Amino acid sequence: MAVLLNVQTAAENTAIVCDCFSCPINESSVYSASLQCYKDLDESEQIIKSKVAQNNVVHVDGNRLMG
């Protein structure tokens, strides 16, 4: 959850996690978890990019892009 909330400021993120789970979390723990997720998702990201690049028509937020 802390990784998903990482778009907030570090102080807001740790406060939300603390409120939801009644336990404090260190900002560096959130950073480390985010970095690990980033690394773990790299292979999935590459697969998605290659599949998108193989299509002649790509839908992006409801818009059709030809090319």
PDB file of N, CA and C in Angstrom:
ATOM      1  N   MET A   1       0.828  -1.179   0.000  1.00  0.00           N
ATOM      2  CA  MET A   1       0.000   0.000   0.000  1.00  0.00           C
ATOM      3  C   MET A   1       0.878   1.249   0.000  1.00  0.00           C
ATOM      4  N   ALA A   2       1.950   1.196   0.753  1.00  0.00           N
ATOM      5  CA  ALA A   2       2.838   2.357   0.823  1.00  0.00           C
ATOM      6  C   ALA A   2       3.428   2.669  -0.540  1.00  0.00           C
ATOM      7  N   VAL A   3       3.700   1.640  -1.324  1.00  0.00           N
ATOM      8  CA  VAL A   3       4.246   1.856  -2.665  1.00  0.00           C
ATOM      9  C   VAL A   3       3.198   2.519  -3.547  1.00  0.00           C
ATOM     10  N   LEU A   4       1.960   2.079  -3.457  1.00  0.00           N
ATOM     11  CA  LEU A   4       0.889   2.672  -4.259  1.00  0.00           C
ATOM     12  C   LEU A   4       0.643   4.121  -3.881  1.00  0.00           C
ATOM     13  N   LEU A   5       0.834   4.453  -2.623  1.00  0.00           N
ATOM     14  CA  LEU A   5       0.620   5.811  -2.154  1.00  0.00           C
ATOM     15  C   LEU A   5       1.832   6.702  -2.357  1.00  0.00           C
ATOM     16  N   ASN A   6       2.870   6.172  -2.959  1.00  0.00           N
ATOM     17  CA  ASN A   6       4.130   6.896  -3.055  1.00  0.00           C
ATOM     18  C   ASN A   6       4.058   8.140  -3.947  1.00  0.00           C
ATOM     19  N   VAL A   7       2.913   8.417  -4.537  1.00  0.00           N
ATOM     20  CA  VAL A   7       2.753   9.655  -5.299  1.00  0.00           C
ATOM     21  C   VAL A   7       2.540  10.835  -4.364  1.00  0.00           C
ATOM     22  N   GLN A   8       2.231  10.544  -3.103  1.00  0.00           N
ATOM     23  CA  GLN A   8       2.087  11.583  -2.089  1.00  0.00           C
ATOM     24  C   GLN A   8       3.478  11.991  -1.611  1.00  0.00           C
ATOM     25  N   THR A   9       3.538  13.028  -0.818  1.00  0.00           N
ATOM     26  CA  THR A   9       4.819  13.353  -0.193  1.00  0.00           C
ATOM     27  C   THR A   9       5.141  12.254   0.814  1.00  0.00           C
ATOM     28  N   ALA A  10       6.408  12.132   1.157  1.00  0.00           N
ATOM     29  CA  ALA A  10       6.827  11.086   2.091  1.00  0.00           C
ATOM     30  C   ALA A  10       6.098  11.218   3.424  1.00  0.00           C
ATOM     31  N   ALA A  11       5.935  12.431   3.901  1.00  0.00           N
ATOM     32  CA  ALA A  11       5.254  12.647   5.176  1.00  0.00           C
ATOM     33  C   ALA A  11       3.788  12.226   5.104  1.00  0.00           C
ATOM     34  N   GLU A  12       3.115  12.568   4.010  1.00  0.00           N
ATOM     35  CA  GLU A  12       1.706  12.183   3.841  1.00  0.00           C
ATOM     36  C   GLU A  12       1.579  10.668   3.734  1.00  0.00           C
ATOM     37  N   ASN A  13       2.480  10.067   2.974  1.00  0.00           N
ATOM     38  CA  ASN A  13       2.444   8.625   2.767  1.00  0.00           C
ATOM     39  C   ASN A  13       2.609   7.882   4.085  1.00  0.00           C
ATOM     40  N   THR A  14       3.617   8.244   4.854  1.00  0.00           N
ATOM     41  CA  THR A  14       3.844   7.552   6.119  1.00  0.00           C
ATOM     42  C   THR A  14       2.699   7.795   7.097  1.00  0.00           C
ATOM     43  N   ALA A  15       2.096   8.971   7.077  1.00  0.00           N
ATOM     44  CA  ALA A  15       0.963   9.263   7.952  1.00  0.00           C
ATOM     45  C   ALA A  15      -0.247   8.408   7.587  1.00  0.00           C
ATOM     46  N   ILE A  16      -0.513   8.245   6.295  1.00  0.00           N
ATOM     47  CA  ILE A  16      -1.657   7.431   5.856  1.00  0.00           C
ATOM     48  C   ILE A  16      -1.457   5.980   6.269  1.00  0.00           C
ATOM     49  N   VAL A  17      -0.269   5.454   6.027  1.00  0.00           N
ATOM     50  CA  VAL A  17       0.017   4.059   6.398  1.00  0.00           C
ATOM     51  C   VAL A  17      -0.109   3.884   7.904  1.00  0.00           C
ATOM     52  N   CYS A  18       0.399   4.824   8.649  1.00  0.00           N
ATOM     53  CA  CYS A  18       0.319   4.766  10.114  1.00  0.00           C
ATOM     54  C   CYS A  18      -1.143   4.789  10.577  1.00  0.00           C
ATOM     55  N   ASP A  19      -1.950   5.651   9.977  1.00  0.00           N
ATOM     56  CA  ASP A  19      -3.371   5.740  10.335  1.00  0.00           C
ATOM     57  C   ASP A  19      -4.123   4.453   9.992  1.00  0.00           C
ATOM     58  N   CYS A  20      -3.832   3.884   8.822  1.00  0.00           N
ATOM     59  CA  CYS A  20      -4.552   2.692   8.369  1.00  0.00           C
ATOM     60  C   CYS A  20      -4.171   1.443   9.155  1.00  0.00           C
ATOM     61  N   PHE A  21      -2.908   1.315   9.476  1.00  0.00           N
ATOM     62  CA  PHE A  21      -2.417   0.082  10.092  1.00  0.00           C
ATOM     63  C   PHE A  21      -1.978   0.249  11.540  1.00  0.00           C
ATOM     64  N   SER A  22      -2.119   1.441  12.067  1.00  0.00           N
ATOM     65  CA  SER A  22      -1.757   1.731  13.457  1.00  0.00           C
ATOM     66  C   SER A  22      -0.310   1.361  13.781  1.00  0.00           C
ATOM     67  N   CYS A  23       0.550   1.565  12.795  1.00  0.00           N
ATOM     68  CA  CYS A  23       1.974   1.352  13.047  1.00  0.00           C
ATOM     69  C   CYS A  23       2.769   2.310  12.158  1.00  0.00           C
ATOM     70  N   PRO A  24       3.823   2.862  12.702  1.00  0.00           N
ATOM     71  CA  PRO A  24       4.628   3.805  11.911  1.00  0.00           C
ATOM     72  C   PRO A  24       5.453   3.079  10.855  1.00  0.00           C
ATOM     73  N   ILE A  25       5.765   3.791   9.790  1.00  0.00           N
ATOM     74  CA  ILE A  25       6.633   3.250   8.751  1.00  0.00           C
ATOM     75  C   ILE A  25       7.663   4.325   8.410  1.00  0.00           C
ATOM     76  N   ASN A  26       8.879   3.885   8.230  1.00  0.00           N
ATOM     77  CA  ASN A  26       9.976   4.788   7.946  1.00  0.00           C
ATOM     78  C   ASN A  26       9.960   5.181   6.469  1.00  0.00           C
ATOM     79  N   GLU A  27      10.309   6.423   6.174  1.00  0.00           N
ATOM     80  CA  GLU A  27      10.347   6.892   4.783  1.00  0.00           C
ATOM     81  C   GLU A  27      11.304   6.053   3.945  1.00  0.00           C
ATOM     82  N   SER A  28      12.413   5.628   4.543  1.00  0.00           N
ATOM     83  CA  SER A  28      13.374   4.824   3.783  1.00  0.00           C
ATOM     84  C   SER A  28      12.813   3.441   3.452  1.00  0.00           C
ATOM     85  N   SER A  29      11.916   2.934   4.285  1.00  0.00           N
ATOM     86  CA  SER A  29      11.263   1.653   3.988  1.00  0.00           C
ATOM     87  C   SER A  29      10.361   1.780   2.771  1.00  0.00           C
ATOM     88  N   VAL A  30       9.655   2.898   2.684  1.00  0.00           N
ATOM     89  CA  VAL A  30       8.797   3.151   1.525  1.00  0.00           C
ATOM     90  C   VAL A  30       9.657   3.281   0.267  1.00  0.00           C
ATOM     91  N   TYR A  31      10.762   3.990   0.382  1.00  0.00           N
ATOM     92  CA  TYR A  31      11.661   4.153  -0.760  1.00  0.00           C
ATOM     93  C   TYR A  31      12.215   2.797  -1.196  1.00  0.00           C
ATOM     94  N   SER A  32      12.672   1.995  -0.257  1.00  0.00           N
ATOM     95  CA  SER A  32      13.232   0.678  -0.586  1.00  0.00           C
ATOM     96  C   SER A  32      12.187  -0.230  -1.238  1.00  0.00           C
ATOM     97  N   ALA A  33      10.972  -0.210  -0.708  1.00  0.00           N
ATOM     98  CA  ALA A  33       9.901  -1.032  -1.282  1.00  0.00           C
ATOM     99  C   ALA A  33       9.557  -0.563  -2.696  1.00  0.00           C
ATOM    100  N   SER A  34       9.538   0.741  -2.907  1.00  0.00           N
ATOM    101  CA  SER A  34       9.253   1.289  -4.241  1.00  0.00           C
ATOM    102  C   SER A  34      10.334   0.898  -5.233  1.00  0.00           C
ATOM    103  N   LEU A  35      11.572   0.979  -4.805  1.00  0.00           N
ATOM    104  CA  LEU A  35      12.692   0.604  -5.669  1.00  0.00           C
ATOM    105  C   LEU A  35      12.628  -0.878  -6.021  1.00  0.00           C
ATOM    106  N   GLN A  36      12.300  -1.715  -5.051  1.00  0.00           N
ATOM    107  CA  GLN A  36      12.189  -3.148  -5.320  1.00  0.00           C
ATOM    108  C   GLN A  36      11.059  -3.438  -6.300  1.00  0.00           C
ATOM    109  N   CYS A  37       9.917  -2.779  -6.143  1.00  0.00           N
ATOM    110  CA  CYS A  37       8.808  -2.958  -7.090  1.00  0.00           C
ATOM    111  C   CYS A  37       9.209  -2.518  -8.485  1.00  0.00           C
ATOM    112  N   TYR A  38       9.915  -1.407  -8.573  1.00  0.00           N
ATOM    113  CA  TYR A  38      10.392  -0.901  -9.865  1.00  0.00           C
ATOM    114  C   TYR A  38      11.262  -1.950 -10.551  1.00  0.00           C
ATOM    115  N   LYS A  39      12.178  -2.532  -9.804  1.00  0.00           N
ATOM    116  CA  LYS A  39      13.077  -3.553 -10.365  1.00  0.00           C
ATOM    117  C   LYS A  39      12.303  -4.813 -10.749  1.00  0.00           C
ATOM    118  N   ASP A  40      11.384  -5.237  -9.885  1.00  0.00           N
ATOM    119  CA  ASP A  40      10.628  -6.465 -10.138  1.00  0.00           C
ATOM    120  C   ASP A  40       9.690  -6.349 -11.329  1.00  0.00           C
ATOM    121  N   LEU A  41       9.231  -5.142 -11.623  1.00  0.00           N
ATOM    122  CA  LEU A  41       8.283  -4.946 -12.722  1.00  0.00           C
ATOM    123  C   LEU A  41       8.954  -4.690 -14.065  1.00  0.00           C
ATOM    124  N   ASP A  42      10.270  -4.626 -14.097  1.00  0.00           N
ATOM    125  CA  ASP A  42      10.979  -4.319 -15.342  1.00  0.00           C
ATOM    126  C   ASP A  42      10.674  -5.322 -16.448  1.00  0.00           C
ATOM    127  N   GLU A  43      10.704  -6.608 -16.131  1.00  0.00           N
ATOM    128  CA  GLU A  43      10.434  -7.623 -17.151  1.00  0.00           C
ATOM    129  C   GLU A  43       9.015  -7.484 -17.701  1.00  0.00           C
ATOM    130  N   SER A  44       8.054  -7.269 -16.811  1.00  0.00           N
ATOM    131  CA  SER A  44       6.664  -7.080 -17.256  1.00  0.00           C
ATOM    132  C   SER A  44       6.533  -5.847 -18.137  1.00  0.00           C
ATOM    133  N   GLU A  45       7.220  -4.780 -17.767  1.00  0.00           N
ATOM    134  CA  GLU A  45       7.180  -3.554 -18.560  1.00  0.00           C
ATOM    135  C   GLU A  45       7.732  -3.793 -19.962  1.00  0.00           C
ATOM    136  N   GLN A  46       8.811  -4.534 -20.063  1.00  0.00           N
ATOM    137  CA  GLN A  46       9.408  -4.814 -21.371  1.00  0.00           C
ATOM    138  C   GLN A  46       8.471  -5.658 -22.239  1.00  0.00           C
ATOM    139  N   ILE A  47       7.803  -6.626 -21.634  1.00  0.00           N
ATOM    140  CA  ILE A  47       6.844  -7.462 -22.368  1.00  0.00           C
ATOM    141  C   ILE A  47       5.693  -6.600 -22.884  1.00  0.00           C
ATOM    142  N   ILE A  48       5.155  -5.746 -22.039  1.00  0.00           N
ATOM    143  CA  ILE A  48       4.049  -4.871 -22.443  1.00  0.00           C
ATOM    144  C   ILE A  48       4.478  -3.942 -23.574  1.00  0.00           C
ATOM    145  N   LYS A  49       5.662  -3.348 -23.448  1.00  0.00           N
ATOM    146  CA  LYS A  49       6.161  -2.446 -24.491  1.00  0.00           C
ATOM    147  C   LYS A  49       6.303  -3.171 -25.824  1.00  0.00           C
ATOM    148  N   SER A  50       6.820  -4.393 -25.804  1.00  0.00           N
ATOM    149  CA  SER A  50       7.005  -5.127 -27.058  1.00  0.00           C
ATOM    150  C   SER A  50       5.667  -5.494 -27.686  1.00  0.00           C
ATOM    151  N   LYS A  51       4.680  -5.854 -26.850  1.00  0.00           N
ATOM    152  CA  LYS A  51       3.344  -6.191 -27.371  1.00  0.00           C
ATOM    153  C   LYS A  51       2.673  -4.957 -27.973  1.00  0.00           C
ATOM    154  N   VAL A  52       2.801  -3.823 -27.331  1.00  0.00           N
ATOM    155  CA  VAL A  52       2.212  -2.586 -27.842  1.00  0.00           C
ATOM    156  C   VAL A  52       2.876  -2.207 -29.166  1.00  0.00           C
ATOM    157  N   ALA A  53       4.185  -2.343 -29.233  1.00  0.00           N
ATOM    158  CA  ALA A  53       4.919  -1.977 -30.446  1.00  0.00           C
ATOM    159  C   ALA A  53       4.560  -2.876 -31.625  1.00  0.00           C
ATOM    160  N   GLN A  54       4.090  -4.086 -31.378  1.00  0.00           N
ATOM    161  CA  GLN A  54       3.732  -5.027 -32.444  1.00  0.00           C
ATOM    162  C   GLN A  54       2.386  -4.705 -33.088  1.00  0.00           C
ATOM    163  N   ASN A  55       1.558  -3.916 -32.441  1.00  0.00           N
ATOM    164  CA  ASN A  55       0.225  -3.604 -32.953  1.00  0.00           C
ATOM    165  C   ASN A  55       0.261  -2.423 -33.911  1.00  0.00           C
ATOM    166  N   ASN A  56      -0.586  -2.476 -34.922  1.00  0.00           N
ATOM    167  CA  ASN A  56      -0.691  -1.371 -35.871  1.00  0.00           C
ATOM    168  C   ASN A  56      -1.521  -0.221 -35.312  1.00  0.00           C
ATOM    169  N   VAL A  57      -2.476  -0.540 -34.449  1.00  0.00           N
ATOM    170  CA  VAL A  57      -3.325   0.472 -33.832  1.00  0.00           C
ATOM    171  C   VAL A  57      -3.194   0.341 -32.322  1.00  0.00           C
ATOM    172  N   VAL A  58      -2.932   1.444 -31.663  1.00  0.00           N
ATOM    173  CA  VAL A  58      -2.782   1.443 -30.219  1.00  0.00           C
ATOM    174  C   VAL A  58      -3.820   2.389 -29.624  1.00  0.00           C
ATOM    175  N   HIS A  59      -4.514   1.948 -28.604  1.00  0.00           N
ATOM    176  CA  HIS A  59      -5.498   2.784 -27.920  1.00  0.00           C
ATOM    177  C   HIS A  59      -4.842   3.391 -26.685  1.00  0.00           C
ATOM    178  N   VAL A  60      -4.854   4.700 -26.578  1.00  0.00           N
ATOM    179  CA  VAL A  60      -4.271   5.398 -25.444  1.00  0.00           C
ATOM    180  C   VAL A  60      -5.336   6.336 -24.889  1.00  0.00           C
ATOM    181  N   ASP A  61      -5.829   6.025 -23.705  1.00  0.00           N
ATOM    182  CA  ASP A  61      -6.858   6.858 -23.062  1.00  0.00           C
ATOM    183  C   ASP A  61      -8.036   7.146 -23.988  1.00  0.00           C
ATOM    184  N   GLY A  62      -8.458   6.133 -24.712  1.00  0.00           N
ATOM    185  CA  GLY A  62      -9.625   6.283 -25.580  1.00  0.00           C
ATOM    186  C   GLY A  62      -9.314   6.861 -26.955  1.00  0.00           C
ATOM    187  N   ASN A  63      -8.081   7.277 -27.199  1.00  0.00           N
ATOM    188  CA  ASN A  63      -7.714   7.814 -28.504  1.00  0.00           C
ATOM    189  C   ASN A  63      -7.032   6.726 -29.329  1.00  0.00           C
ATOM    190  N   ARG A  64      -7.355   6.689 -30.607  1.00  0.00           N
ATOM    191  CA  ARG A  64      -6.715   5.718 -31.496  1.00  0.00           C
ATOM    192  C   ARG A  64      -5.500   6.356 -32.164  1.00  0.00           C
ATOM    193  N   LEU A  65      -4.388   5.689 -32.053  1.00  0.00           N
ATOM    194  CA  LEU A  65      -3.167   6.169 -32.684  1.00  0.00           C
ATOM    195  C   LEU A  65      -2.782   5.214 -33.791  1.00  0.00           C
ATOM    196  N   MET A  66      -2.688   5.692 -34.979  1.00  0.00           N
ATOM    197  CA  MET A  66      -2.317   4.848 -36.112  1.00  0.00           C
ATOM    198  C   MET A  66      -0.808   4.969 -36.323  1.00  0.00           C
ATOM    199  N   GLY A  67      -0.197   3.890 -36.721  1.00  0.00           N
ATOM    200  CA  GLY A  67       1.210   4.016 -37.018  1.00  0.00           C
ATOM    201  C   GLY A  67       1.888   2.787 -36.825  1.00  0.00           C
TER     202      GLY A  67
END
